[in-house]
mmCIF file of all heavy atoms, coordinates in Angstrom:
data_MODEL
# 
_entry.id   MODEL 
# 
loop_
_atom_site.group_PDB 
_atom_site.id 
_atom_site.type_symbol 
_atom_site.label_atom_id 
_atom_site.label_alt_id 
_atom_site.label_comp_id 
_atom_site.label_asym_id 
_atom_site.label_entity_id 
_atom_site.label_seq_id 
_atom_site.pdbx_PDB_ins_code 
_atom_site.Cartn_x 
_atom_site.Cartn_y 
_atom_site.Cartn_z 
_atom_site.occupancy 
_atom_site.B_iso_or_equiv 
_atom_site.pdbx_formal_charge 
_atom_site.auth_seq_id 
_atom_site.auth_comp_id 
_atom_site.auth_asym_id 
_atom_site.auth_atom_id 
_atom_site.pdbx_PDB_model_num 
ATOM 1   N N   . ALA A 1 1  ? 29.392 118.584 -83.482 1.00 0.00 ? 1  ALA A N   1 
ATOM 2   C CA  . ALA A 1 1  ? 30.416 119.590 -83.224 1.00 0.00 ? 1  ALA A CA  1 
ATOM 3   C C   . ALA A 1 1  ? 30.227 120.257 -81.868 1.00 0.00 ? 1  ALA A C   1 
ATOM 4   O O   . ALA A 1 1  ? 30.966 121.184 -81.533 1.00 0.00 ? 1  ALA A O   1 
ATOM 5   C CB  . ALA A 1 1  ? 30.414 120.651 -84.327 1.00 0.00 ? 1  ALA A CB  1 
ATOM 6   N N   . ASP A 1 2  ? 29.285 119.777 -81.083 1.00 0.00 ? 2  ASP A N   1 
ATOM 7   C CA  . ASP A 1 2  ? 29.026 120.339 -79.759 1.00 0.00 ? 2  ASP A CA  1 
ATOM 8   C C   . ASP A 1 2  ? 28.894 119.217 -78.738 1.00 0.00 ? 2  ASP A C   1 
ATOM 9   O O   . ASP A 1 2  ? 28.450 118.106 -79.064 1.00 0.00 ? 2  ASP A O   1 
ATOM 10  C CB  . ASP A 1 2  ? 27.737 121.161 -79.758 1.00 0.00 ? 2  ASP A CB  1 
ATOM 11  C CG  . ASP A 1 2  ? 27.841 122.410 -80.619 1.00 0.00 ? 2  ASP A CG  1 
ATOM 12  O OD1 . ASP A 1 2  ? 28.641 123.284 -80.271 1.00 0.00 ? 2  ASP A OD1 1 
ATOM 13  O OD2 . ASP A 1 2  ? 27.122 122.480 -81.633 1.00 0.00 ? 2  ASP A OD2 1 
ATOM 14  N N   . GLY A 1 3  ? 29.259 119.514 -77.487 1.00 0.00 ? 3  GLY A N   1 
ATOM 15  C CA  . GLY A 1 3  ? 29.094 118.562 -76.407 1.00 0.00 ? 3  GLY A CA  1 
ATOM 16  C C   . GLY A 1 3  ? 29.860 117.270 -76.615 1.00 0.00 ? 3  GLY A C   1 
ATOM 17  O O   . GLY A 1 3  ? 29.357 116.175 -76.328 1.00 0.00 ? 3  GLY A O   1 
ATOM 18  N N   . LEU A 1 4  ? 31.074 117.376 -77.114 1.00 0.00 ? 4  LEU A N   1 
ATOM 19  C CA  . LEU A 1 4  ? 31.840 116.191 -77.507 1.00 0.00 ? 4  LEU A CA  1 
ATOM 20  C C   . LEU A 1 4  ? 32.717 115.643 -76.386 1.00 0.00 ? 4  LEU A C   1 
ATOM 21  O O   . LEU A 1 4  ? 33.209 116.390 -75.533 1.00 0.00 ? 4  LEU A O   1 
ATOM 22  C CB  . LEU A 1 4  ? 32.739 116.529 -78.698 1.00 0.00 ? 4  LEU A CB  1 
ATOM 23  C CG  . LEU A 1 4  ? 32.053 117.115 -79.929 1.00 0.00 ? 4  LEU A CG  1 
ATOM 24  C CD1 . LEU A 1 4  ? 33.080 117.409 -81.007 1.00 0.00 ? 4  LEU A CD1 1 
ATOM 25  C CD2 . LEU A 1 4  ? 30.980 116.180 -80.448 1.00 0.00 ? 4  LEU A CD2 1 
ATOM 26  N N   . THR A 1 5  ? 32.925 114.347 -76.406 1.00 0.00 ? 5  THR A N   1 
ATOM 27  C CA  . THR A 1 5  ? 33.947 113.731 -75.572 1.00 0.00 ? 5  THR A CA  1 
ATOM 28  C C   . THR A 1 5  ? 35.308 114.171 -76.090 1.00 0.00 ? 5  THR A C   1 
ATOM 29  O O   . THR A 1 5  ? 35.519 114.227 -77.310 1.00 0.00 ? 5  THR A O   1 
ATOM 30  C CB  . THR A 1 5  ? 33.842 112.190 -75.645 1.00 0.00 ? 5  THR A CB  1 
ATOM 31  O OG1 . THR A 1 5  ? 32.558 111.802 -75.170 1.00 0.00 ? 5  THR A OG1 1 
ATOM 32  C CG2 . THR A 1 5  ? 34.927 111.523 -74.820 1.00 0.00 ? 5  THR A CG2 1 
ATOM 33  N N   . PRO A 1 6  ? 36.256 114.505 -75.229 1.00 0.00 ? 6  PRO A N   1 
ATOM 34  C CA  . PRO A 1 6  ? 37.566 114.951 -75.705 1.00 0.00 ? 6  PRO A CA  1 
ATOM 35  C C   . PRO A 1 6  ? 38.307 113.873 -76.493 1.00 0.00 ? 6  PRO A C   1 
ATOM 36  O O   . PRO A 1 6  ? 38.024 112.675 -76.366 1.00 0.00 ? 6  PRO A O   1 
ATOM 37  C CB  . PRO A 1 6  ? 38.321 115.278 -74.405 1.00 0.00 ? 6  PRO A CB  1 
ATOM 38  C CG  . PRO A 1 6  ? 37.267 115.447 -73.370 1.00 0.00 ? 6  PRO A CG  1 
ATOM 39  C CD  . PRO A 1 6  ? 36.152 114.533 -73.766 1.00 0.00 ? 6  PRO A CD  1 
ATOM 40  N N   . VAL A 1 7  ? 39.250 114.296 -77.311 1.00 0.00 ? 7  VAL A N   1 
ATOM 41  C CA  . VAL A 1 7  ? 40.179 113.358 -77.939 1.00 0.00 ? 7  VAL A CA  1 
ATOM 42  C C   . VAL A 1 7  ? 40.982 112.719 -76.802 1.00 0.00 ? 7  VAL A C   1 
ATOM 43  O O   . VAL A 1 7  ? 41.557 113.426 -75.968 1.00 0.00 ? 7  VAL A O   1 
ATOM 44  C CB  . VAL A 1 7  ? 41.128 114.075 -78.911 1.00 0.00 ? 7  VAL A CB  1 
ATOM 45  C CG1 . VAL A 1 7  ? 42.115 113.092 -79.521 1.00 0.00 ? 7  VAL A CG1 1 
ATOM 46  C CG2 . VAL A 1 7  ? 40.323 114.784 -80.002 1.00 0.00 ? 7  VAL A CG2 1 
ATOM 47  N N   . THR A 1 8  ? 40.982 111.409 -76.756 1.00 0.00 ? 8  THR A N   1 
ATOM 48  C CA  . THR A 1 8  ? 41.495 110.703 -75.587 1.00 0.00 ? 8  THR A CA  1 
ATOM 49  C C   . THR A 1 8  ? 42.402 109.547 -75.984 1.00 0.00 ? 8  THR A C   1 
ATOM 50  O O   . THR A 1 8  ? 42.113 108.831 -76.956 1.00 0.00 ? 8  THR A O   1 
ATOM 51  C CB  . THR A 1 8  ? 40.325 110.141 -74.752 1.00 0.00 ? 8  THR A CB  1 
ATOM 52  O OG1 . THR A 1 8  ? 39.440 111.214 -74.397 1.00 0.00 ? 8  THR A OG1 1 
ATOM 53  C CG2 . THR A 1 8  ? 40.821 109.462 -73.484 1.00 0.00 ? 8  THR A CG2 1 
ATOM 54  N N   . PHE A 1 9  ? 43.487 109.369 -75.240 1.00 0.00 ? 9  PHE A N   1 
ATOM 55  C CA  . PHE A 1 9  ? 44.306 108.173 -75.413 1.00 0.00 ? 9  PHE A CA  1 
ATOM 56  C C   . PHE A 1 9  ? 43.714 107.078 -74.542 1.00 0.00 ? 9  PHE A C   1 
ATOM 57  O O   . PHE A 1 9  ? 43.592 107.225 -73.329 1.00 0.00 ? 9  PHE A O   1 
ATOM 58  C CB  . PHE A 1 9  ? 45.760 108.430 -75.015 1.00 0.00 ? 9  PHE A CB  1 
ATOM 59  C CG  . PHE A 1 9  ? 46.598 107.185 -75.117 1.00 0.00 ? 9  PHE A CG  1 
ATOM 60  C CD1 . PHE A 1 9  ? 46.860 106.608 -76.343 1.00 0.00 ? 9  PHE A CD1 1 
ATOM 61  C CD2 . PHE A 1 9  ? 47.108 106.585 -73.980 1.00 0.00 ? 9  PHE A CD2 1 
ATOM 62  C CE1 . PHE A 1 9  ? 47.614 105.449 -76.440 1.00 0.00 ? 9  PHE A CE1 1 
ATOM 63  C CE2 . PHE A 1 9  ? 47.864 105.435 -74.062 1.00 0.00 ? 9  PHE A CE2 1 
ATOM 64  C CZ  . PHE A 1 9  ? 48.118 104.856 -75.292 1.00 0.00 ? 9  PHE A CZ  1 
ATOM 65  N N   . TYR A 1 10 ? 43.313 105.988 -75.179 1.00 0.00 ? 10 TYR A N   1 
ATOM 66  C CA  . TYR A 1 10 ? 42.714 104.867 -74.464 1.00 0.00 ? 10 TYR A CA  1 
ATOM 67  C C   . TYR A 1 10 ? 43.721 103.724 -74.331 1.00 0.00 ? 10 TYR A C   1 
ATOM 68  O O   . TYR A 1 10 ? 44.312 103.286 -75.319 1.00 0.00 ? 10 TYR A O   1 
ATOM 69  C CB  . TYR A 1 10 ? 41.483 104.342 -75.204 1.00 0.00 ? 10 TYR A CB  1 
ATOM 70  C CG  . TYR A 1 10 ? 40.318 105.311 -75.234 1.00 0.00 ? 10 TYR A CG  1 
ATOM 71  C CD1 . TYR A 1 10 ? 39.843 105.822 -76.446 1.00 0.00 ? 10 TYR A CD1 1 
ATOM 72  C CD2 . TYR A 1 10 ? 39.682 105.707 -74.059 1.00 0.00 ? 10 TYR A CD2 1 
ATOM 73  C CE1 . TYR A 1 10 ? 38.769 106.701 -76.479 1.00 0.00 ? 10 TYR A CE1 1 
ATOM 74  C CE2 . TYR A 1 10 ? 38.612 106.584 -74.085 1.00 0.00 ? 10 TYR A CE2 1 
ATOM 75  C CZ  . TYR A 1 10 ? 38.158 107.080 -75.292 1.00 0.00 ? 10 TYR A CZ  1 
ATOM 76  O OH  . TYR A 1 10 ? 37.095 107.955 -75.314 1.00 0.00 ? 10 TYR A OH  1 
ATOM 77  N N   . ASN A 1 11 ? 43.893 103.273 -73.097 1.00 0.00 ? 11 ASN A N   1 
ATOM 78  C CA  . ASN A 1 11 ? 44.713 102.085 -72.833 1.00 0.00 ? 11 ASN A CA  1 
ATOM 79  C C   . ASN A 1 11 ? 44.149 101.424 -71.581 1.00 0.00 ? 11 ASN A C   1 
ATOM 80  O O   . ASN A 1 11 ? 44.704 101.523 -70.491 1.00 0.00 ? 11 ASN A O   1 
ATOM 81  C CB  . ASN A 1 11 ? 46.186 102.451 -72.651 1.00 0.00 ? 11 ASN A CB  1 
ATOM 82  C CG  . ASN A 1 11 ? 47.062 101.225 -72.436 1.00 0.00 ? 11 ASN A CG  1 
ATOM 83  O OD1 . ASN A 1 11 ? 46.610 100.084 -72.586 1.00 0.00 ? 11 ASN A OD1 1 
ATOM 84  N ND2 . ASN A 1 11 ? 48.315 101.449 -72.082 1.00 0.00 ? 11 ASN A ND2 1 
ATOM 85  N N   . TRP A 1 12 ? 43.001 100.765 -71.753 1.00 0.00 ? 12 TRP A N   1 
ATOM 86  C CA  . TRP A 1 12 ? 42.350 100.126 -70.619 1.00 0.00 ? 12 TRP A CA  1 
ATOM 87  C C   . TRP A 1 12 ? 43.235 99.007  -70.078 1.00 0.00 ? 12 TRP A C   1 
ATOM 88  O O   . TRP A 1 12 ? 43.685 98.138  -70.813 1.00 0.00 ? 12 TRP A O   1 
ATOM 89  C CB  . TRP A 1 12 ? 41.002 99.563  -71.043 1.00 0.00 ? 12 TRP A CB  1 
ATOM 90  C CG  . TRP A 1 12 ? 40.089 100.625 -71.573 1.00 0.00 ? 12 TRP A CG  1 
ATOM 91  C CD1 . TRP A 1 12 ? 39.797 100.886 -72.879 1.00 0.00 ? 12 TRP A CD1 1 
ATOM 92  C CD2 . TRP A 1 12 ? 39.372 101.588 -70.802 1.00 0.00 ? 12 TRP A CD2 1 
ATOM 93  N NE1 . TRP A 1 12 ? 38.940 101.952 -72.983 1.00 0.00 ? 12 TRP A NE1 1 
ATOM 94  C CE2 . TRP A 1 12 ? 38.654 102.401 -71.721 1.00 0.00 ? 12 TRP A CE2 1 
ATOM 95  C CE3 . TRP A 1 12 ? 39.257 101.841 -69.431 1.00 0.00 ? 12 TRP A CE3 1 
ATOM 96  C CZ2 . TRP A 1 12 ? 37.828 103.446 -71.313 1.00 0.00 ? 12 TRP A CZ2 1 
ATOM 97  C CZ3 . TRP A 1 12 ? 38.436 102.885 -69.032 1.00 0.00 ? 12 TRP A CZ3 1 
ATOM 98  C CH2 . TRP A 1 12 ? 37.733 103.674 -69.953 1.00 0.00 ? 12 TRP A CH2 1 
ATOM 99  N N   . GLY A 1 13 ? 43.534 99.057  -68.798 1.00 0.00 ? 13 GLY A N   1 
ATOM 100 C CA  . GLY A 1 13 ? 44.416 98.067  -68.181 1.00 0.00 ? 13 GLY A CA  1 
ATOM 101 C C   . GLY A 1 13 ? 45.874 98.464  -68.200 1.00 0.00 ? 13 GLY A C   1 
ATOM 102 O O   . GLY A 1 13 ? 46.729 97.703  -67.725 1.00 0.00 ? 13 GLY A O   1 
ATOM 103 N N   . ASN A 1 14 ? 46.183 99.643  -68.750 1.00 0.00 ? 14 ASN A N   1 
ATOM 104 C CA  . ASN A 1 14 ? 47.568 100.149 -68.778 1.00 0.00 ? 14 ASN A CA  1 
ATOM 105 C C   . ASN A 1 14 ? 48.536 99.140  -69.368 1.00 0.00 ? 14 ASN A C   1 
ATOM 106 O O   . ASN A 1 14 ? 49.595 98.837  -68.813 1.00 0.00 ? 14 ASN A O   1 
ATOM 107 C CB  . ASN A 1 14 ? 48.024 100.555 -67.366 1.00 0.00 ? 14 ASN A CB  1 
ATOM 108 C CG  . ASN A 1 14 ? 47.117 101.596 -66.751 1.00 0.00 ? 14 ASN A CG  1 
ATOM 109 O OD1 . ASN A 1 14 ? 46.541 102.421 -67.454 1.00 0.00 ? 14 ASN A OD1 1 
ATOM 110 N ND2 . ASN A 1 14 ? 46.960 101.550 -65.441 1.00 0.00 ? 14 ASN A ND2 1 
ATOM 111 N N   . LYS A 1 15 ? 48.195 98.604  -70.524 1.00 0.00 ? 15 LYS A N   1 
ATOM 112 C CA  . LYS A 1 15 ? 49.021 97.598  -71.175 1.00 0.00 ? 15 LYS A CA  1 
ATOM 113 C C   . LYS A 1 15 ? 50.251 98.213  -71.836 1.00 0.00 ? 15 LYS A C   1 
ATOM 114 O O   . LYS A 1 15 ? 50.254 99.378  -72.222 1.00 0.00 ? 15 LYS A O   1 
ATOM 115 C CB  . LYS A 1 15 ? 48.198 96.848  -72.229 1.00 0.00 ? 15 LYS A CB  1 
ATOM 116 C CG  . LYS A 1 15 ? 46.924 96.213  -71.682 1.00 0.00 ? 15 LYS A CG  1 
ATOM 117 C CD  . LYS A 1 15 ? 47.222 95.153  -70.639 1.00 0.00 ? 15 LYS A CD  1 
ATOM 118 C CE  . LYS A 1 15 ? 45.943 94.455  -70.196 1.00 0.00 ? 15 LYS A CE  1 
ATOM 119 N NZ  . LYS A 1 15 ? 46.185 93.412  -69.185 1.00 0.00 ? 15 LYS A NZ  1 
ATOM 120 N N   . LYS A 1 16 ? 51.296 97.396  -71.971 1.00 0.00 ? 16 LYS A N   1 
ATOM 121 C CA  . LYS A 1 16 ? 52.488 97.797  -72.696 1.00 0.00 ? 16 LYS A CA  1 
ATOM 122 C C   . LYS A 1 16 ? 52.399 97.269  -74.127 1.00 0.00 ? 16 LYS A C   1 
ATOM 123 O O   . LYS A 1 16 ? 52.047 96.121  -74.352 1.00 0.00 ? 16 LYS A O   1 
ATOM 124 C CB  . LYS A 1 16 ? 53.741 97.265  -72.009 1.00 0.00 ? 16 LYS A CB  1 
ATOM 125 C CG  . LYS A 1 16 ? 54.007 97.888  -70.645 1.00 0.00 ? 16 LYS A CG  1 
ATOM 126 C CD  . LYS A 1 16 ? 55.327 97.401  -70.070 1.00 0.00 ? 16 LYS A CD  1 
ATOM 127 C CE  . LYS A 1 16 ? 55.605 98.066  -68.726 1.00 0.00 ? 16 LYS A CE  1 
ATOM 128 N NZ  . LYS A 1 16 ? 56.902 97.615  -68.148 1.00 0.00 ? 16 LYS A NZ  1 
ATOM 129 N N   . TYR A 1 17 ? 52.737 98.116  -75.071 1.00 0.00 ? 17 TYR A N   1 
ATOM 130 C CA  . TYR A 1 17 ? 52.667 97.755  -76.478 1.00 0.00 ? 17 TYR A CA  1 
ATOM 131 C C   . TYR A 1 17 ? 54.055 97.443  -77.027 1.00 0.00 ? 17 TYR A C   1 
ATOM 132 O O   . TYR A 1 17 ? 55.021 98.155  -76.744 1.00 0.00 ? 17 TYR A O   1 
ATOM 133 C CB  . TYR A 1 17 ? 52.043 98.882  -77.293 1.00 0.00 ? 17 TYR A CB  1 
ATOM 134 C CG  . TYR A 1 17 ? 50.539 99.003  -77.119 1.00 0.00 ? 17 TYR A CG  1 
ATOM 135 C CD1 . TYR A 1 17 ? 50.005 99.688  -76.034 1.00 0.00 ? 17 TYR A CD1 1 
ATOM 136 C CD2 . TYR A 1 17 ? 49.675 98.423  -78.027 1.00 0.00 ? 17 TYR A CD2 1 
ATOM 137 C CE1 . TYR A 1 17 ? 48.631 99.792  -75.861 1.00 0.00 ? 17 TYR A CE1 1 
ATOM 138 C CE2 . TYR A 1 17 ? 48.297 98.525  -77.868 1.00 0.00 ? 17 TYR A CE2 1 
ATOM 139 C CZ  . TYR A 1 17 ? 47.785 99.214  -76.795 1.00 0.00 ? 17 TYR A CZ  1 
ATOM 140 O OH  . TYR A 1 17 ? 46.428 99.318  -76.624 1.00 0.00 ? 17 TYR A OH  1 
ATOM 141 N N   . TYR A 1 18 ? 54.120 96.386  -77.829 1.00 0.00 ? 18 TYR A N   1 
ATOM 142 C CA  . TYR A 1 18 ? 55.370 96.003  -78.486 1.00 0.00 ? 18 TYR A CA  1 
ATOM 143 C C   . TYR A 1 18 ? 55.468 96.724  -79.822 1.00 0.00 ? 18 TYR A C   1 
ATOM 144 O O   . TYR A 1 18 ? 54.574 96.629  -80.663 1.00 0.00 ? 18 TYR A O   1 
ATOM 145 C CB  . TYR A 1 18 ? 55.413 94.490  -78.695 1.00 0.00 ? 18 TYR A CB  1 
ATOM 146 C CG  . TYR A 1 18 ? 56.580 94.029  -79.522 1.00 0.00 ? 18 TYR A CG  1 
ATOM 147 C CD1 . TYR A 1 18 ? 57.878 93.985  -78.984 1.00 0.00 ? 18 TYR A CD1 1 
ATOM 148 C CD2 . TYR A 1 18 ? 56.402 93.629  -80.843 1.00 0.00 ? 18 TYR A CD2 1 
ATOM 149 C CE1 . TYR A 1 18 ? 58.941 93.564  -79.743 1.00 0.00 ? 18 TYR A CE1 1 
ATOM 150 C CE2 . TYR A 1 18 ? 57.468 93.206  -81.609 1.00 0.00 ? 18 TYR A CE2 1 
ATOM 151 C CZ  . TYR A 1 18 ? 58.738 93.179  -81.051 1.00 0.00 ? 18 TYR A CZ  1 
ATOM 152 O OH  . TYR A 1 18 ? 59.805 92.766  -81.817 1.00 0.00 ? 18 TYR A OH  1 
ATOM 153 N N   . LYS A 1 19 ? 56.570 97.444  -80.042 1.00 0.00 ? 19 LYS A N   1 
ATOM 154 C CA  . LYS A 1 19 ? 56.721 98.218  -81.269 1.00 0.00 ? 19 LYS A CA  1 
ATOM 155 C C   . LYS A 1 19 ? 57.287 97.349  -82.384 1.00 0.00 ? 19 LYS A C   1 
ATOM 156 O O   . LYS A 1 19 ? 58.255 96.625  -82.200 1.00 0.00 ? 19 LYS A O   1 
ATOM 157 C CB  . LYS A 1 19 ? 57.653 99.413  -81.022 1.00 0.00 ? 19 LYS A CB  1 
ATOM 158 C CG  . LYS A 1 19 ? 57.712 100.389 -82.198 1.00 0.00 ? 19 LYS A CG  1 
ATOM 159 C CD  . LYS A 1 19 ? 58.504 101.627 -81.848 1.00 0.00 ? 19 LYS A CD  1 
ATOM 160 C CE  . LYS A 1 19 ? 58.491 102.632 -82.983 1.00 0.00 ? 19 LYS A CE  1 
ATOM 161 N NZ  . LYS A 1 19 ? 59.252 103.856 -82.632 1.00 0.00 ? 19 LYS A NZ  1 
ATOM 162 N N   . MET A 1 20 ? 56.653 97.416  -83.548 1.00 0.00 ? 20 MET A N   1 
ATOM 163 C CA  . MET A 1 20 ? 57.121 96.672  -84.713 1.00 0.00 ? 20 MET A CA  1 
ATOM 164 C C   . MET A 1 20 ? 56.907 97.527  -85.949 1.00 0.00 ? 20 MET A C   1 
ATOM 165 O O   . MET A 1 20 ? 56.335 98.621  -85.863 1.00 0.00 ? 20 MET A O   1 
ATOM 166 C CB  . MET A 1 20 ? 56.364 95.348  -84.856 1.00 0.00 ? 20 MET A CB  1 
ATOM 167 C CG  . MET A 1 20 ? 54.868 95.479  -84.997 1.00 0.00 ? 20 MET A CG  1 
ATOM 168 S SD  . MET A 1 20 ? 54.026 93.900  -85.366 1.00 0.00 ? 20 MET A SD  1 
ATOM 169 C CE  . MET A 1 20 ? 54.439 92.940  -83.925 1.00 0.00 ? 20 MET A CE  1 
ATOM 170 N N   . ASP A 1 21 ? 57.371 97.057  -87.109 1.00 0.00 ? 21 ASP A N   1 
ATOM 171 C CA  . ASP A 1 21 ? 57.099 97.806  -88.329 1.00 0.00 ? 21 ASP A CA  1 
ATOM 172 C C   . ASP A 1 21 ? 55.821 97.273  -88.975 1.00 0.00 ? 21 ASP A C   1 
ATOM 173 O O   . ASP A 1 21 ? 55.301 96.217  -88.620 1.00 0.00 ? 21 ASP A O   1 
ATOM 174 C CB  . ASP A 1 21 ? 58.278 97.758  -89.310 1.00 0.00 ? 21 ASP A CB  1 
ATOM 175 C CG  . ASP A 1 21 ? 58.645 96.332  -89.718 1.00 0.00 ? 21 ASP A CG  1 
ATOM 176 O OD1 . ASP A 1 21 ? 57.749 95.474  -89.846 1.00 0.00 ? 21 ASP A OD1 1 
ATOM 177 O OD2 . ASP A 1 21 ? 59.842 96.074  -89.930 1.00 0.00 ? 21 ASP A OD2 1 
ATOM 178 N N   . ARG A 1 22 ? 55.291 98.020  -89.924 1.00 0.00 ? 22 ARG A N   1 
ATOM 179 C CA  . ARG A 1 22 ? 53.999 97.667  -90.514 1.00 0.00 ? 22 ARG A CA  1 
ATOM 180 C C   . ARG A 1 22 ? 54.055 96.338  -91.263 1.00 0.00 ? 22 ARG A C   1 
ATOM 181 O O   . ARG A 1 22 ? 53.104 95.549  -91.230 1.00 0.00 ? 22 ARG A O   1 
ATOM 182 C CB  . ARG A 1 22 ? 53.540 98.775  -91.476 1.00 0.00 ? 22 ARG A CB  1 
ATOM 183 C CG  . ARG A 1 22 ? 52.094 98.621  -91.939 1.00 0.00 ? 22 ARG A CG  1 
ATOM 184 C CD  . ARG A 1 22 ? 51.691 99.754  -92.852 1.00 0.00 ? 22 ARG A CD  1 
ATOM 185 N NE  . ARG A 1 22 ? 52.349 99.668  -94.131 1.00 0.00 ? 22 ARG A NE  1 
ATOM 186 C CZ  . ARG A 1 22 ? 51.883 98.953  -95.169 1.00 0.00 ? 22 ARG A CZ  1 
ATOM 187 N NH1 . ARG A 1 22 ? 50.745 98.285  -95.055 1.00 0.00 ? 22 ARG A NH1 1 
ATOM 188 N NH2 . ARG A 1 22 ? 52.521 98.938  -96.311 1.00 0.00 ? 22 ARG A NH2 1 
ATOM 189 N N   . GLU A 1 23 ? 55.170 96.067  -91.940 1.00 0.00 ? 23 GLU A N   1 
ATOM 190 C CA  . GLU A 1 23 ? 55.282 94.830  -92.710 1.00 0.00 ? 23 GLU A CA  1 
ATOM 191 C C   . GLU A 1 23 ? 55.199 93.607  -91.791 1.00 0.00 ? 23 GLU A C   1 
ATOM 192 O O   . GLU A 1 23 ? 54.514 92.628  -92.098 1.00 0.00 ? 23 GLU A O   1 
ATOM 193 C CB  . GLU A 1 23 ? 56.599 94.827  -93.501 1.00 0.00 ? 23 GLU A CB  1 
ATOM 194 C CG  . GLU A 1 23 ? 56.647 95.803  -94.663 1.00 0.00 ? 23 GLU A CG  1 
ATOM 195 C CD  . GLU A 1 23 ? 56.779 97.250  -94.234 1.00 0.00 ? 23 GLU A CD  1 
ATOM 196 O OE1 . GLU A 1 23 ? 57.190 97.490  -93.058 1.00 0.00 ? 23 GLU A OE1 1 
ATOM 197 O OE2 . GLU A 1 23 ? 56.456 98.142  -95.033 1.00 0.00 ? 23 GLU A OE2 1 
ATOM 198 N N   . LYS A 1 24 ? 55.876 93.660  -90.668 1.00 0.00 ? 24 LYS A N   1 
ATOM 199 C CA  . LYS A 1 24 ? 55.821 92.552  -89.716 1.00 0.00 ? 24 LYS A CA  1 
ATOM 200 C C   . LYS A 1 24 ? 54.412 92.422  -89.139 1.00 0.00 ? 24 LYS A C   1 
ATOM 201 O O   . LYS A 1 24 ? 53.904 91.304  -88.948 1.00 0.00 ? 24 LYS A O   1 
ATOM 202 C CB  . LYS A 1 24 ? 56.829 92.771  -88.590 1.00 0.00 ? 24 LYS A CB  1 
ATOM 203 C CG  . LYS A 1 24 ? 56.892 91.641  -87.573 1.00 0.00 ? 24 LYS A CG  1 
ATOM 204 C CD  . LYS A 1 24 ? 57.975 91.886  -86.536 1.00 0.00 ? 24 LYS A CD  1 
ATOM 205 C CE  . LYS A 1 24 ? 58.030 90.744  -85.515 1.00 0.00 ? 24 LYS A CE  1 
ATOM 206 N NZ  . LYS A 1 24 ? 59.095 90.980  -84.495 1.00 0.00 ? 24 LYS A NZ  1 
ATOM 207 N N   . PHE A 1 25 ? 53.770 93.548  -88.879 1.00 0.00 ? 25 PHE A N   1 
ATOM 208 C CA  . PHE A 1 25 ? 52.421 93.540  -88.345 1.00 0.00 ? 25 PHE A CA  1 
ATOM 209 C C   . PHE A 1 25 ? 51.453 92.876  -89.321 1.00 0.00 ? 25 PHE A C   1 
ATOM 210 O O   . PHE A 1 25 ? 50.604 92.068  -88.927 1.00 0.00 ? 25 PHE A O   1 
ATOM 211 C CB  . PHE A 1 25 ? 51.974 94.972  -88.053 1.00 0.00 ? 25 PHE A CB  1 
ATOM 212 C CG  . PHE A 1 25 ? 50.576 95.092  -87.529 1.00 0.00 ? 25 PHE A CG  1 
ATOM 213 C CD1 . PHE A 1 25 ? 50.292 94.860  -86.197 1.00 0.00 ? 25 PHE A CD1 1 
ATOM 214 C CD2 . PHE A 1 25 ? 49.524 95.437  -88.381 1.00 0.00 ? 25 PHE A CD2 1 
ATOM 215 C CE1 . PHE A 1 25 ? 48.999 94.962  -85.712 1.00 0.00 ? 25 PHE A CE1 1 
ATOM 216 C CE2 . PHE A 1 25 ? 48.230 95.551  -87.902 1.00 0.00 ? 25 PHE A CE2 1 
ATOM 217 C CZ  . PHE A 1 25 ? 47.968 95.315  -86.567 1.00 0.00 ? 25 PHE A CZ  1 
ATOM 218 N N   . LEU A 1 26 ? 51.575 93.182  -90.618 1.00 0.00 ? 26 LEU A N   1 
ATOM 219 C CA  . LEU A 1 26 ? 50.691 92.595  -91.613 1.00 0.00 ? 26 LEU A CA  1 
ATOM 220 C C   . LEU A 1 26 ? 50.875 91.085  -91.714 1.00 0.00 ? 26 LEU A C   1 
ATOM 221 O O   . LEU A 1 26 ? 49.902 90.342  -91.887 1.00 0.00 ? 26 LEU A O   1 
ATOM 222 C CB  . LEU A 1 26 ? 50.917 93.240  -92.984 1.00 0.00 ? 26 LEU A CB  1 
ATOM 223 C CG  . LEU A 1 26 ? 50.409 94.670  -93.161 1.00 0.00 ? 26 LEU A CG  1 
ATOM 224 C CD1 . LEU A 1 26 ? 50.613 95.126  -94.590 1.00 0.00 ? 26 LEU A CD1 1 
ATOM 225 C CD2 . LEU A 1 26 ? 48.942 94.783  -92.780 1.00 0.00 ? 26 LEU A CD2 1 
ATOM 226 N N   . LYS A 1 27 ? 52.107 90.623  -91.621 1.00 0.00 ? 27 LYS A N   1 
ATOM 227 C CA  . LYS A 1 27 ? 52.349 89.173  -91.640 1.00 0.00 ? 27 LYS A CA  1 
ATOM 228 C C   . LYS A 1 27 ? 51.661 88.515  -90.451 1.00 0.00 ? 27 LYS A C   1 
ATOM 229 O O   . LYS A 1 27 ? 51.085 87.438  -90.559 1.00 0.00 ? 27 LYS A O   1 
ATOM 230 C CB  . LYS A 1 27 ? 53.848 88.888  -91.620 1.00 0.00 ? 27 LYS A CB  1 
ATOM 231 C CG  . LYS A 1 27 ? 54.567 89.267  -92.899 1.00 0.00 ? 27 LYS A CG  1 
ATOM 232 C CD  . LYS A 1 27 ? 56.052 88.956  -92.803 1.00 0.00 ? 27 LYS A CD  1 
ATOM 233 C CE  . LYS A 1 27 ? 56.766 89.357  -94.090 1.00 0.00 ? 27 LYS A CE  1 
ATOM 234 N NZ  . LYS A 1 27 ? 58.233 89.089  -93.996 1.00 0.00 ? 27 LYS A NZ  1 
ATOM 235 N N   . TYR A 1 28 ? 51.710 89.177  -89.322 1.00 0.00 ? 28 TYR A N   1 
ATOM 236 C CA  . TYR A 1 28 ? 51.073 88.664  -88.113 1.00 0.00 ? 28 TYR A CA  1 
ATOM 237 C C   . TYR A 1 28 ? 49.560 88.635  -88.270 1.00 0.00 ? 28 TYR A C   1 
ATOM 238 O O   . TYR A 1 28 ? 48.894 87.650  -87.935 1.00 0.00 ? 28 TYR A O   1 
ATOM 239 C CB  . TYR A 1 28 ? 51.491 89.528  -86.926 1.00 0.00 ? 28 TYR A CB  1 
ATOM 240 C CG  . TYR A 1 28 ? 50.664 89.337  -85.676 1.00 0.00 ? 28 TYR A CG  1 
ATOM 241 C CD1 . TYR A 1 28 ? 50.791 88.190  -84.906 1.00 0.00 ? 28 TYR A CD1 1 
ATOM 242 C CD2 . TYR A 1 28 ? 49.761 90.315  -85.267 1.00 0.00 ? 28 TYR A CD2 1 
ATOM 243 C CE1 . TYR A 1 28 ? 50.029 88.012  -83.758 1.00 0.00 ? 28 TYR A CE1 1 
ATOM 244 C CE2 . TYR A 1 28 ? 49.000 90.150  -84.133 1.00 0.00 ? 28 TYR A CE2 1 
ATOM 245 C CZ  . TYR A 1 28 ? 49.130 88.996  -83.380 1.00 0.00 ? 28 TYR A CZ  1 
ATOM 246 O OH  . TYR A 1 28 ? 48.380 88.831  -82.263 1.00 0.00 ? 28 TYR A OH  1 
# 
């Protein structure tokens, strides 16, 4: 609870994400 790294959004390489629904993701 002390000396923590901040809550951070990580996207190494600045990639673009394709949005899908969970059901399609599970099939994949």
